[in-house]
Amino acid sequence: MRQEYVNSLMAKGYRQEFEKEPYIFIRKREKECFVVLLLEQEITGEILMKKRMQLESIMKEQGFLYVFQLCIICREHAMFSQALLDLVEETPNVWLFAEDQRRMYRYEHQPMEFDGLCQLFETISLQRKSRILGISKDTFPYITVTLILLNVLCFVIPVLTGHYDEWLDAGMNSRFLVVEERQVYRLFTHMFLHGSWSHLLNNMMVLGVLGVYLEPVLGRMKYLLIYSLAGITGGLCSIVFQTSSIGSVGASGAIFGLSGAMLALTLFWKGKIPGISPRRVIIMCIASLYSGFTTINVDNAAHIGGLLAGFLLAIITNKFRSKST
């Protein structure tokens, strides 16, 4: 993937003028020049600023009045280290590129464009994507779309065939059926059943929004793991605190798990999800929980259980990944 970027730089007129430092690309134009450092390894802010001062001195000795510089750091995945995020926070003109997503991360205090390079990179055929959501062939939320389709089908099919009540009875979550009758599978099946069109629509809209942001960042398998385990945990909390003999259905426990995962990422891995601040996620979680407590027939225990499970699972899985990479 990096070679495609090198080729696009060369096509625009950039040249590698330093044999011992092939990662430095320079484009000269009258009295100004543009310098791009394309790195595959992390670098400290001190070293980067020192290198920039050296390059600026060299270019001005050649007669250039204006020297513009940008550093692009390419990493294998978007789970950037804290040191790298600190660099972006403290040092101007630094972009991050995640090869697994083929996506350029330009944080809000960094330039959104530099010598037309962002637009140039985004026109590469293998990186066709939305500039806002960063969706490409590799980052498309396939798991999220599949989950939405399954939920829709599990509602539409029984409604159309006239077996809606039978499906609910067969798959809903209930303390008696799970504990006494040992029908443990209901902790999973209840996540794909819904009580009404509005119940289904509300859940799927939230799932779609969260999935677009989280699935590319977490990775498909980790995303699916958090979704499933949070939903099951929410189901367990539901039967522990269940005060009614009526069973419960819905994907909200699993969806709250995704909200918890997003909260963990924004709190402890700052910048992992560009454009999303911890404050926004906290407000979203509080508003969602408040809505549940002020509405009748809502399984709040499942919501809280799913939220806490997603929060903890995101921390555990990302800590494990950090140590193993």
C-alpha atoms as a PDB file:
ATOM      1  CA  MET A   1       0.000   0.000   0.000  1.00  0.00           C
ATOM      2  CA  ARG A   2       2.826   2.388   0.828  1.00  0.00           C
ATOM      3  CA  GLN A   3       4.245   2.044  -2.700  1.00  0.00           C
ATOM      4  CA  GLU A   4       1.045   3.407  -4.182  1.00  0.00           C
ATOM      5  CA  TYR A   5       1.504   6.542  -2.126  1.00  0.00           C
ATOM      6  CA  VAL A   6       5.124   6.816  -3.179  1.00  0.00           C
ATOM      7  CA  ASN A   7       4.066   6.500  -6.816  1.00  0.00           C
ATOM      8  CA  SER A   8       1.422   9.201  -6.402  1.00  0.00           C
ATOM      9  CA  LEU A   9       3.992  11.538  -4.837  1.00  0.00           C
ATOM     10  CA  MET A  10       6.426  10.932  -7.672  1.00  0.00           C
ATOM     11  CA  ALA A  11       3.692  11.500 -10.244  1.00  0.00           C
ATOM     12  CA  LYS A  12       2.929  14.876  -8.669  1.00  0.00           C
ATOM     13  CA  GLY A  13       6.553  15.954  -9.027  1.00  0.00           C
ATOM     14  CA  TYR A  14       8.111  14.933  -5.705  1.00  0.00           C
ATOM     15  CA  ARG A  15      11.653  13.582  -5.773  1.00  0.00           C
ATOM     16  CA  GLN A  16      13.818  11.614  -3.343  1.00  0.00           C
ATOM     17  CA  GLU A  17      16.900  13.822  -3.139  1.00  0.00           C
ATOM     18  CA  PHE A  18      18.669  12.145  -0.224  1.00  0.00           C
ATOM     19  CA  GLU A  19      19.968   8.656  -0.957  1.00  0.00           C
ATOM     20  CA  LYS A  20      20.446   7.825   2.725  1.00  0.00           C
ATOM     21  CA  GLU A  21      16.990   9.118   3.576  1.00  0.00           C
ATOM     22  CA  PRO A  22      14.658   7.773   0.863  1.00  0.00           C
ATOM     23  CA  TYR A  23      11.609   8.523   3.008  1.00  0.00           C
ATOM     24  CA  ILE A  24      12.014  12.267   2.329  1.00  0.00           C
ATOM     25  CA  PHE A  25      10.173  13.585  -0.735  1.00  0.00           C
ATOM     26  CA  ILE A  26      10.593  17.125  -2.039  1.00  0.00           C
ATOM     27  CA  ARG A  27       8.699  19.115  -4.665  1.00  0.00           C
ATOM     28  CA  LYS A  28      10.175  22.436  -5.743  1.00  0.00           C
ATOM     29  CA  ARG A  29       8.261  25.316  -7.296  1.00  0.00           C
ATOM     30  CA  GLU A  30       9.832  28.723  -7.918  1.00  0.00           C
ATOM     31  CA  LYS A  31      10.585  30.195  -4.456  1.00  0.00           C
ATOM     32  CA  GLU A  32       8.736  27.574  -2.441  1.00  0.00           C
ATOM     33  CA  CYS A  33       9.121  23.868  -1.827  1.00  0.00           C
ATOM     34  CA  PHE A  34       7.044  21.121  -0.255  1.00  0.00           C
ATOM     35  CA  VAL A  35       8.680  18.449   1.898  1.00  0.00           C
ATOM     36  CA  VAL A  36       6.967  15.180   2.854  1.00  0.00           C
ATOM     37  CA  LEU A  37       8.380  12.653   5.313  1.00  0.00           C
ATOM     38  CA  LEU A  38       6.742   9.284   4.645  1.00  0.00           C
ATOM     39  CA  LEU A  39       7.601   7.089   7.622  1.00  0.00           C
ATOM     40  CA  GLU A  40       6.815   3.500   8.567  1.00  0.00           C
ATOM     41  CA  GLN A  41       8.242   3.718  12.084  1.00  0.00           C
ATOM     42  CA  GLU A  42       7.190   5.922  14.981  1.00  0.00           C
ATOM     43  CA  ILE A  43       9.234   9.027  15.658  1.00  0.00           C
ATOM     44  CA  THR A  44       9.458  11.367  18.640  1.00  0.00           C
ATOM     45  CA  GLY A  45       8.415  14.976  18.397  1.00  0.00           C
ATOM     46  CA  GLU A  46      11.935  16.114  19.280  1.00  0.00           C
ATOM     47  CA  ILE A  47      13.563  14.127  16.475  1.00  0.00           C
ATOM     48  CA  LEU A  48      10.905  15.202  13.989  1.00  0.00           C
ATOM     49  CA  MET A  49      11.310  18.895  14.778  1.00  0.00           C
ATOM     50  CA  LYS A  50      15.102  18.576  14.561  1.00  0.00           C
ATOM     51  CA  LYS A  51      14.816  16.928  11.139  1.00  0.00           C
ATOM     52  CA  ARG A  52      12.437  19.652   9.974  1.00  0.00           C
ATOM     53  CA  MET A  53      14.858  22.375  11.038  1.00  0.00           C
ATOM     54  CA  GLN A  54      17.667  20.657   9.115  1.00  0.00           C
ATOM     55  CA  LEU A  55      15.544  20.335   5.985  1.00  0.00           C
ATOM     56  CA  GLU A  56      14.344  23.921   6.181  1.00  0.00           C
ATOM     57  CA  SER A  57      17.962  25.098   6.486  1.00  0.00           C
ATOM     58  CA  ILE A  58      19.008  23.024   3.454  1.00  0.00           C
ATOM     59  CA  MET A  59      16.134  24.284   1.337  1.00  0.00           C
ATOM     60  CA  LYS A  60      16.706  27.927   2.239  1.00  0.00           C
ATOM     61  CA  GLU A  61      20.375  27.568   1.400  1.00  0.00           C
ATOM     62  CA  GLN A  62      19.185  26.534  -2.064  1.00  0.00           C
ATOM     63  CA  GLY A  63      17.279  29.815  -2.359  1.00  0.00           C
ATOM     64  CA  PHE A  64      13.747  28.791  -1.396  1.00  0.00           C
ATOM     65  CA  LEU A  65      11.906  31.414   0.631  1.00  0.00           C
ATOM     66  CA  TYR A  66       9.068  29.188   1.777  1.00  0.00           C
ATOM     67  CA  VAL A  67       9.421  25.607   3.029  1.00  0.00           C
ATOM     68  CA  PHE A  68       6.243  23.655   3.815  1.00  0.00           C
ATOM     69  CA  GLN A  69       6.573  20.324   5.570  1.00  0.00           C
ATOM     70  CA  LEU A  70       4.287  17.371   6.318  1.00  0.00           C
ATOM     71  CA  CYS A  71       4.962  14.054   8.067  1.00  0.00           C
ATOM     72  CA  ILE A  72       2.861  10.986   7.178  1.00  0.00           C
ATOM     73  CA  ILE A  73       3.320   7.984   9.472  1.00  0.00           C
ATOM     74  CA  CYS A  74       2.086   4.673   8.068  1.00  0.00           C
ATOM     75  CA  ARG A  75       1.044   1.955  10.520  1.00  0.00           C
ATOM     76  CA  GLU A  76      -0.361  -1.537   9.989  1.00  0.00           C
ATOM     77  CA  HIS A  77      -3.599  -0.837  11.841  1.00  0.00           C
ATOM     78  CA  ALA A  78      -5.610   2.045  13.278  1.00  0.00           C
ATOM     79  CA  MET A  79      -4.999   1.123  16.911  1.00  0.00           C
ATOM     80  CA  PHE A  80      -2.299   3.782  17.170  1.00  0.00           C
ATOM     81  CA  SER A  81      -0.041   3.785  20.222  1.00  0.00           C
ATOM     82  CA  GLN A  82      -0.446   6.469  22.860  1.00  0.00           C
ATOM     83  CA  ALA A  83       3.012   7.826  22.007  1.00  0.00           C
ATOM     84  CA  LEU A  84       1.938   8.297  18.401  1.00  0.00           C
ATOM     85  CA  LEU A  85      -1.302  10.005  19.406  1.00  0.00           C
ATOM     86  CA  ASP A  86       0.658  12.298  21.718  1.00  0.00           C
ATOM     87  CA  LEU A  87       2.907  13.187  18.787  1.00  0.00           C
ATOM     88  CA  VAL A  88      -0.104  14.138  16.677  1.00  0.00           C
ATOM     89  CA  GLU A  89      -1.513  16.156  19.555  1.00  0.00           C
ATOM     90  CA  GLU A  90       1.683  18.122  20.192  1.00  0.00           C
ATOM     91  CA  THR A  91       3.321  18.400  16.772  1.00  0.00           C
ATOM     92  CA  PRO A  92       1.876  20.296  13.780  1.00  0.00           C
ATOM     93  CA  ASN A  93       1.529  18.888  10.276  1.00  0.00           C
ATOM     94  CA  VAL A  94       1.378  15.172  11.068  1.00  0.00           C
ATOM     95  CA  TRP A  95      -1.009  12.709   9.417  1.00  0.00           C
ATOM     96  CA  LEU A  96      -1.486   9.042  10.338  1.00  0.00           C
ATOM     97  CA  PHE A  97      -2.240   6.327   7.818  1.00  0.00           C
ATOM     98  CA  ALA A  98      -3.698   2.879   8.705  1.00  0.00           C
ATOM     99  CA  GLU A  99      -2.807   0.305   6.076  1.00  0.00           C
ATOM    100  CA  ASP A 100      -5.483  -2.191   7.130  1.00  0.00           C
ATOM    101  CA  GLN A 101      -8.151   0.432   6.458  1.00  0.00           C
ATOM    102  CA  ARG A 102      -6.334   2.287   3.675  1.00  0.00           C
ATOM    103  CA  ARG A 103      -7.414   5.426   5.444  1.00  0.00           C
ATOM    104  CA  MET A 104      -5.682   8.704   6.243  1.00  0.00           C
ATOM    105  CA  TYR A 105      -6.374  10.093   9.718  1.00  0.00           C
ATOM    106  CA  ARG A 106      -6.249  13.899   9.824  1.00  0.00           C
ATOM    107  CA  TYR A 107      -7.161  15.153  13.255  1.00  0.00           C
ATOM    108  CA  GLU A 108      -9.047  18.393  13.744  1.00  0.00           C
ATOM    109  CA  HIS A 109      -6.033  20.505  14.754  1.00  0.00           C
ATOM    110  CA  GLN A 110      -3.980  19.177  11.810  1.00  0.00           C
ATOM    111  CA  PRO A 111      -4.195  20.473   8.213  1.00  0.00           C
ATOM    112  CA  MET A 112      -6.965  18.875   6.198  1.00  0.00           C
ATOM    113  CA  GLU A 113      -4.977  19.395   2.996  1.00  0.00           C
ATOM    114  CA  PHE A 114      -1.328  19.765   2.027  1.00  0.00           C
ATOM    115  CA  ASP A 115      -0.267  20.543  -1.533  1.00  0.00           C
ATOM    116  CA  GLY A 116      -3.329  18.679  -2.772  1.00  0.00           C
ATOM    117  CA  LEU A 117      -1.985  15.381  -1.419  1.00  0.00           C
ATOM    118  CA  CYS A 118      -5.069  14.327   0.481  1.00  0.00           C
ATOM    119  CA  GLN A 119      -7.235  14.671  -2.594  1.00  0.00           C
ATOM    120  CA  LEU A 120      -4.560  12.943  -4.658  1.00  0.00           C
ATOM    121  CA  PHE A 121      -4.322   9.964  -2.299  1.00  0.00           C
ATOM    122  CA  GLU A 122      -8.070   9.570  -2.102  1.00  0.00           C
ATOM    123  CA  THR A 123      -8.354   9.222  -5.860  1.00  0.00           C
ATOM    124  CA  ILE A 124      -6.201   6.079  -5.935  1.00  0.00           C
ATOM    125  CA  SER A 125      -8.456   3.371  -7.348  1.00  0.00           C
ATOM    126  CA  LEU A 126      -7.937   0.932  -4.466  1.00  0.00           C
ATOM    127  CA  GLN A 127      -8.898   3.568  -1.922  1.00  0.00           C
ATOM    128  CA  ARG A 128     -12.283   4.682  -3.132  1.00  0.00           C
ATOM    129  CA  LYS A 129     -14.061   5.669   0.005  1.00  0.00           C
ATOM    130  CA  SER A 130     -16.183   8.243   1.706  1.00  0.00           C
ATOM    131  CA  ARG A 131     -14.056  11.132   2.993  1.00  0.00           C
ATOM    132  CA  ILE A 132     -16.390  11.577   5.929  1.00  0.00           C
ATOM    133  CA  LEU A 133     -16.890   7.986   7.106  1.00  0.00           C
ATOM    134  CA  GLY A 134     -13.793   6.426   5.592  1.00  0.00           C
ATOM    135  CA  ILE A 135     -15.696   3.520   3.993  1.00  0.00           C
ATOM    136  CA  SER A 136     -13.891   1.438   1.384  1.00  0.00           C
ATOM    137  CA  LYS A 137     -13.913  -2.174   0.292  1.00  0.00           C
ATOM    138  CA  ASP A 138     -11.730  -3.043   3.273  1.00  0.00           C
ATOM    139  CA  THR A 139     -13.479  -0.855   5.856  1.00  0.00           C
ATOM    140  CA  PHE A 140     -17.107  -1.496   4.825  1.00  0.00           C
ATOM    141  CA  PRO A 141     -18.995  -2.684   7.947  1.00  0.00           C
ATOM    142  CA  TYR A 142     -19.960  -6.131   6.660  1.00  0.00           C
ATOM    143  CA  ILE A 143     -20.624  -7.533  10.131  1.00  0.00           C
ATOM    144  CA  THR A 144     -22.912  -4.622  11.017  1.00  0.00           C
ATOM    145  CA  VAL A 145     -24.875  -4.974   7.781  1.00  0.00           C
ATOM    146  CA  THR A 146     -25.188  -8.735   8.341  1.00  0.00           C
ATOM    147  CA  LEU A 147     -26.445  -8.222  11.899  1.00  0.00           C
ATOM    148  CA  ILE A 148     -29.014  -5.677  10.720  1.00  0.00           C
ATOM    149  CA  LEU A 149     -30.248  -8.040   7.992  1.00  0.00           C
ATOM    150  CA  LEU A 150     -30.565 -10.919  10.459  1.00  0.00           C
ATOM    151  CA  ASN A 151     -32.551  -8.785  12.876  1.00  0.00           C
ATOM    152  CA  VAL A 152     -34.838  -7.530  10.128  1.00  0.00           C
ATOM    153  CA  LEU A 153     -35.411 -11.034   8.764  1.00  0.00           C
ATOM    154  CA  CYS A 154     -36.147 -12.406  12.239  1.00  0.00           C
ATOM    155  CA  PHE A 155     -38.939  -9.849  12.502  1.00  0.00           C
ATOM    156  CA  VAL A 156     -40.288  -9.745   8.948  1.00  0.00           C
ATOM    157  CA  ILE A 157     -40.452 -13.510   8.344  1.00  0.00           C
ATOM    158  CA  PRO A 158     -42.639 -14.387  11.353  1.00  0.00           C
ATOM    159  CA  VAL A 159     -44.843 -11.340  10.760  1.00  0.00           C
ATOM    160  CA  LEU A 160     -45.424 -12.271   7.111  1.00  0.00           C
ATOM    161  CA  THR A 161     -45.970 -15.966   7.866  1.00  0.00           C
ATOM    162  CA  GLY A 162     -48.255 -15.313  10.818  1.00  0.00           C
ATOM    163  CA  HIS A 163     -45.922 -16.977  13.352  1.00  0.00           C
ATOM    164  CA  TYR A 164     -44.754 -13.885  15.195  1.00  0.00           C
ATOM    165  CA  ASP A 165     -45.947 -15.021  18.642  1.00  0.00           C
ATOM    166  CA  GLU A 166     -44.437 -18.479  18.142  1.00  0.00           C
ATOM    167  CA  TRP A 167     -41.020 -16.968  17.334  1.00  0.00           C
ATOM    168  CA  LEU A 168     -41.159 -14.780  20.437  1.00  0.00           C
ATOM    169  CA  ASP A 169     -42.111 -17.724  22.631  1.00  0.00           C
ATOM    170  CA  ALA A 170     -39.319 -19.844  21.149  1.00  0.00           C
ATOM    171  CA  GLY A 171     -36.524 -17.303  21.473  1.00  0.00           C
ATOM    172  CA  MET A 172     -37.266 -14.735  24.185  1.00  0.00           C
ATOM    173  CA  ASN A 173     -35.139 -14.403  27.306  1.00  0.00           C
ATOM    174  CA  SER A 174     -36.759 -15.508  30.555  1.00  0.00           C
ATOM    175  CA  ARG A 175     -35.418 -16.420  34.003  1.00  0.00           C
ATOM    176  CA  PHE A 176     -37.684 -19.454  34.307  1.00  0.00           C
ATOM    177  CA  LEU A 177     -36.892 -20.814  30.844  1.00  0.00           C
ATOM    178  CA  VAL A 178     -33.139 -20.182  31.067  1.00  0.00           C
ATOM    179  CA  VAL A 179     -32.554 -21.226  34.684  1.00  0.00           C
ATOM    180  CA  GLU A 180     -35.304 -23.723  35.433  1.00  0.00           C
ATOM    181  CA  GLU A 181     -35.733 -25.236  31.983  1.00  0.00           C
ATOM    182  CA  ARG A 182     -32.006 -24.822  31.157  1.00  0.00           C
ATOM    183  CA  GLN A 183     -32.751 -23.279  27.744  1.00  0.00           C
ATOM    184  CA  VAL A 184     -29.488 -21.321  27.762  1.00  0.00           C
ATOM    185  CA  TYR A 185     -29.631 -20.658  24.020  1.00  0.00           C
ATOM    186  CA  ARG A 186     -32.249 -17.965  24.745  1.00  0.00           C
ATOM    187  CA  LEU A 187     -29.459 -15.698  26.031  1.00  0.00           C
ATOM    188  CA  PHE A 188     -28.382 -15.533  22.386  1.00  0.00           C
ATOM    189  CA  THR A 189     -31.612 -15.851  20.402  1.00  0.00           C
ATOM    190  CA  HIS A 190     -33.408 -13.042  22.226  1.00  0.00           C
ATOM    191  CA  MET A 191     -30.940 -10.557  20.658  1.00  0.00           C
ATOM    192  CA  PHE A 192     -32.478 -11.121  17.215  1.00  0.00           C
ATOM    193  CA  LEU A 193     -36.131 -10.705  18.182  1.00  0.00           C
ATOM    194  CA  HIS A 194     -38.040  -7.446  18.616  1.00  0.00           C
ATOM    195  CA  GLY A 195     -41.384  -6.466  20.063  1.00  0.00           C
ATOM    196  CA  SER A 196     -42.504  -4.010  17.384  1.00  0.00           C
ATOM    197  CA  TRP A 197     -41.515  -2.177  14.200  1.00  0.00           C
ATOM    198  CA  SER A 198     -40.452   0.872  16.196  1.00  0.00           C
ATOM    199  CA  HIS A 199     -38.393  -1.291  18.554  1.00  0.00           C
ATOM    200  CA  LEU A 200     -36.614  -2.856  15.580  1.00  0.00           C
ATOM    201  CA  LEU A 201     -36.138   0.439  13.713  1.00  0.00           C
ATOM    202  CA  ASN A 202     -34.690   2.293  16.693  1.00  0.00           C
ATOM    203  CA  ASN A 203     -32.227  -0.469  17.498  1.00  0.00           C
ATOM    204  CA  MET A 204     -31.081  -0.932  13.913  1.00  0.00           C
ATOM    205  CA  MET A 205     -30.526   2.789  13.375  1.00  0.00           C
ATOM    206  CA  VAL A 206     -28.259   2.967  16.425  1.00  0.00           C
ATOM    207  CA  LEU A 207     -26.483  -0.259  15.438  1.00  0.00           C
ATOM    208  CA  GLY A 208     -25.814   1.121  11.967  1.00  0.00           C
ATOM    209  CA  VAL A 209     -24.295   4.367  13.272  1.00  0.00           C
ATOM    210  CA  LEU A 210     -22.122   2.654  15.888  1.00  0.00           C
ATOM    211  CA  GLY A 211     -21.027  -0.040  13.458  1.00  0.00           C
ATOM    212  CA  VAL A 212     -19.765   2.416  10.851  1.00  0.00           C
ATOM    213  CA  TYR A 213     -17.410   3.932  13.402  1.00  0.00           C
ATOM    214  CA  LEU A 214     -16.458   0.908  15.487  1.00  0.00           C
ATOM    215  CA  GLU A 215     -16.181  -2.053  13.118  1.00  0.00           C
ATOM    216  CA  PRO A 216     -13.231  -0.642  11.087  1.00  0.00           C
ATOM    217  CA  VAL A 217     -11.408   0.427  14.253  1.00  0.00           C
ATOM    218  CA  LEU A 218     -11.926  -2.746  16.298  1.00  0.00           C
ATOM    219  CA  GLY A 219     -11.678  -5.195  13.425  1.00  0.00           C
ATOM    220  CA  ARG A 220     -14.533  -7.474  12.384  1.00  0.00           C
ATOM    221  CA  MET A 221     -13.876 -10.407  14.704  1.00  0.00           C
ATOM    222  CA  LYS A 222     -13.287  -8.287  17.804  1.00  0.00           C
ATOM    223  CA  TYR A 223     -16.335  -6.183  16.952  1.00  0.00           C
ATOM    224  CA  LEU A 224     -18.517  -9.294  16.622  1.00  0.00           C
ATOM    225  CA  LEU A 225     -17.080 -10.746  19.835  1.00  0.00           C
ATOM    226  CA  ILE A 226     -17.889  -7.608  21.836  1.00  0.00           C
ATOM    227  CA  TYR A 227     -21.367  -7.376  20.317  1.00  0.00           C
ATOM    228  CA  SER A 228     -22.201 -11.014  21.092  1.00  0.00           C
ATOM    229  CA  LEU A 229     -20.720 -11.202  24.595  1.00  0.00           C
ATOM    230  CA  ALA A 230     -22.269  -7.865  25.582  1.00  0.00           C
ATOM    231  CA  GLY A 231     -25.655  -9.100  24.381  1.00  0.00           C
ATOM    232  CA  ILE A 232     -25.324 -12.342  26.337  1.00  0.00           C
ATOM    233  CA  THR A 233     -24.146 -10.463  29.435  1.00  0.00           C
ATOM    234  CA  GLY A 234     -27.097  -8.121  29.104  1.00  0.00           C
ATOM    235  CA  GLY A 235     -29.358 -11.162  28.929  1.00  0.00           C
ATOM    236  CA  LEU A 236     -27.816 -12.597  32.106  1.00  0.00           C
ATOM    237  CA  CYS A 237     -28.290  -9.308  33.945  1.00  0.00           C
ATOM    238  CA  SER A 238     -31.869  -9.261  32.750  1.00  0.00           C
ATOM    239  CA  ILE A 239     -32.746 -12.639  34.264  1.00  0.00           C
ATOM    240  CA  VAL A 240     -30.866 -11.841  37.506  1.00  0.00           C
ATOM    241  CA  PHE A 241     -32.822  -8.633  38.084  1.00  0.00           C
ATOM    242  CA  GLN A 242     -36.015  -9.665  36.312  1.00  0.00           C
ATOM    243  CA  THR A 243     -39.057  -8.782  38.406  1.00  0.00           C
ATOM    244  CA  SER A 244     -41.687  -9.772  35.859  1.00  0.00           C
ATOM    245  CA  SER A 245     -42.653 -13.166  34.524  1.00  0.00           C
ATOM    246  CA  ILE A 246     -42.800 -11.659  31.027  1.00  0.00           C
ATOM    247  CA  GLY A 247     -39.764 -12.474  28.897  1.00  0.00           C
ATOM    248  CA  SER A 248     -37.584  -9.929  27.120  1.00  0.00           C
ATOM    249  CA  VAL A 249     -36.372  -9.529  23.538  1.00  0.00           C
ATOM    250  CA  GLY A 250     -34.220  -7.079  21.628  1.00  0.00           C
ATOM    251  CA  ALA A 251     -30.681  -6.289  20.509  1.00  0.00           C
ATOM    252  CA  SER A 252     -30.344  -3.297  22.822  1.00  0.00           C
ATOM    253  CA  GLY A 253     -28.087  -5.092  25.326  1.00  0.00           C
ATOM    254  CA  ALA A 254     -25.594  -5.876  22.562  1.00  0.00           C
ATOM    255  CA  ILE A 255     -25.935  -2.366  21.116  1.00  0.00           C
ATOM    256  CA  PHE A 256     -25.298  -0.826  24.526  1.00  0.00           C
ATOM    257  CA  GLY A 257     -22.203  -3.007  24.562  1.00  0.00           C
ATOM    258  CA  LEU A 258     -20.987  -1.214  21.446  1.00  0.00           C
ATOM    259  CA  SER A 259     -21.674   2.113  23.157  1.00  0.00           C
ATOM    260  CA  GLY A 260     -19.578   0.931  26.095  1.00  0.00           C
ATOM    261  CA  ALA A 261     -16.775  -0.097  23.743  1.00  0.00           C
ATOM    262  CA  MET A 262     -16.851   3.311  22.062  1.00  0.00           C
ATOM    263  CA  LEU A 263     -16.716   4.993  25.469  1.00  0.00           C
ATOM    264  CA  ALA A 264     -13.651   2.938  26.447  1.00  0.00           C
ATOM    265  CA  LEU A 265     -11.862   3.743  23.195  1.00  0.00           C
ATOM    266  CA  THR A 266     -12.494   7.471  23.428  1.00  0.00           C
ATOM    267  CA  LEU A 267     -11.499   7.597  27.105  1.00  0.00           C
ATOM    268  CA  PHE A 268      -8.359   5.470  27.110  1.00  0.00           C
ATOM    269  CA  TRP A 269      -7.228   5.503  23.467  1.00  0.00           C
ATOM    270  CA  LYS A 270      -7.722   9.146  22.583  1.00  0.00           C
ATOM    271  CA  GLY A 271      -8.063   9.779  18.874  1.00  0.00           C
ATOM    272  CA  LYS A 272      -8.831   6.173  17.903  1.00  0.00           C
ATOM    273  CA  ILE A 273     -12.170   7.327  16.515  1.00  0.00           C
ATOM    274  CA  PRO A 274     -11.624  10.673  14.765  1.00  0.00           C
ATOM    275  CA  GLY A 275     -14.334  13.246  15.355  1.00  0.00           C
ATOM    276  CA  ILE A 276     -15.789  11.449  18.388  1.00  0.00           C
ATOM    277  CA  SER A 277     -14.993  12.894  21.824  1.00  0.00           C
ATOM    278  CA  PRO A 278     -15.512  11.183  25.209  1.00  0.00           C
ATOM    279  CA  ARG A 279     -17.951  13.935  26.156  1.00  0.00           C
ATOM    280  CA  ARG A 280     -20.218  13.133  23.189  1.00  0.00           C
ATOM    281  CA  VAL A 281     -20.195   9.411  23.966  1.00  0.00           C
ATOM    282  CA  ILE A 282     -20.898   9.983  27.671  1.00  0.00           C
ATOM    283  CA  ILE A 283     -23.854  12.222  26.827  1.00  0.00           C
ATOM    284  CA  MET A 284     -25.148   9.608  24.372  1.00  0.00           C
ATOM    285  CA  CYS A 285     -24.918   6.825  26.972  1.00  0.00           C
ATOM    286  CA  ILE A 286     -26.593   8.887  29.687  1.00  0.00           C
ATOM    287  CA  ALA A 287     -29.382   9.965  27.336  1.00  0.00           C
ATOM    288  CA  SER A 288     -29.984   6.376  26.220  1.00  0.00           C
ATOM    289  CA  LEU A 289     -30.096   5.052  29.778  1.00  0.00           C
ATOM    290  CA  TYR A 290     -32.369   7.906  30.891  1.00  0.00           C
ATOM    291  CA  SER A 291     -34.741   7.189  28.032  1.00  0.00           C
ATOM    292  CA  GLY A 292     -34.960   3.582  29.159  1.00  0.00           C
ATOM    293  CA  PHE A 293     -35.704   4.442  32.774  1.00  0.00           C
ATOM    294  CA  THR A 294     -38.462   6.843  31.765  1.00  0.00           C
ATOM    295  CA  THR A 295     -40.167   4.386  29.411  1.00  0.00           C
ATOM    296  CA  ILE A 296     -42.319   1.435  30.417  1.00  0.00           C
ATOM    297  CA  ASN A 297     -41.523  -2.175  29.464  1.00  0.00           C
ATOM    298  CA  VAL A 298     -37.810  -1.488  28.934  1.00  0.00           C
ATOM    299  CA  ASP A 299     -35.175  -3.982  30.088  1.00  0.00           C
ATOM    300  CA  ASN A 300     -32.826  -1.540  31.816  1.00  0.00           C
ATOM    301  CA  ALA A 301     -30.828  -4.326  33.461  1.00  0.00           C
ATOM    302  CA  ALA A 302     -29.865  -5.612  30.005  1.00  0.00           C
ATOM    303  CA  HIS A 303     -28.887  -2.092  28.935  1.00  0.00           C
ATOM    304  CA  ILE A 304     -26.615  -1.524  31.928  1.00  0.00           C
ATOM    305  CA  GLY A 305     -25.142  -5.022  31.762  1.00  0.00           C
ATOM    306  CA  GLY A 306     -24.413  -4.708  28.049  1.00  0.00           C
ATOM    307  CA  LEU A 307     -22.884  -1.252  28.486  1.00  0.00           C
ATOM    308  CA  LEU A 308     -20.516  -2.392  31.247  1.00  0.00           C
ATOM    309  CA  ALA A 309     -19.609  -5.583  29.367  1.00  0.00           C
ATOM    310  CA  GLY A 310     -18.749  -3.697  26.166  1.00  0.00           C
ATOM    311  CA  PHE A 311     -16.701  -1.167  28.136  1.00  0.00           C
ATOM    312  CA  LEU A 312     -14.634  -3.855  29.869  1.00  0.00           C
ATOM    313  CA  LEU A 313     -14.283  -6.059  26.781  1.00  0.00           C
ATOM    314  CA  ALA A 314     -12.926  -3.155  24.725  1.00  0.00           C
ATOM    315  CA  ILE A 315     -10.307  -2.474  27.382  1.00  0.00           C
ATOM    316  CA  ILE A 316      -9.341  -6.149  27.754  1.00  0.00           C
ATOM    317  CA  THR A 317      -9.102  -6.917  24.033  1.00  0.00           C
ATOM    318  CA  ASN A 318      -7.169  -3.765  23.186  1.00  0.00           C
ATOM    319  CA  LYS A 319      -4.744  -4.251  26.077  1.00  0.00           C
ATOM    320  CA  PHE A 320      -4.143  -7.797  24.851  1.00  0.00           C
ATOM    321  CA  ARG A 321      -3.546  -6.573  21.308  1.00  0.00           C
ATOM    322  CA  SER A 322      -1.140  -3.882  22.505  1.00  0.00           C
ATOM    323  CA  LYS A 323       0.978  -6.465  24.333  1.00  0.00           C
ATOM    324  CA  SER A 324       0.979  -8.952  21.465  1.00  0.00           C
ATOM    325  CA  THR A 325       2.001  -6.533  18.694  1.00  0.00           C
END
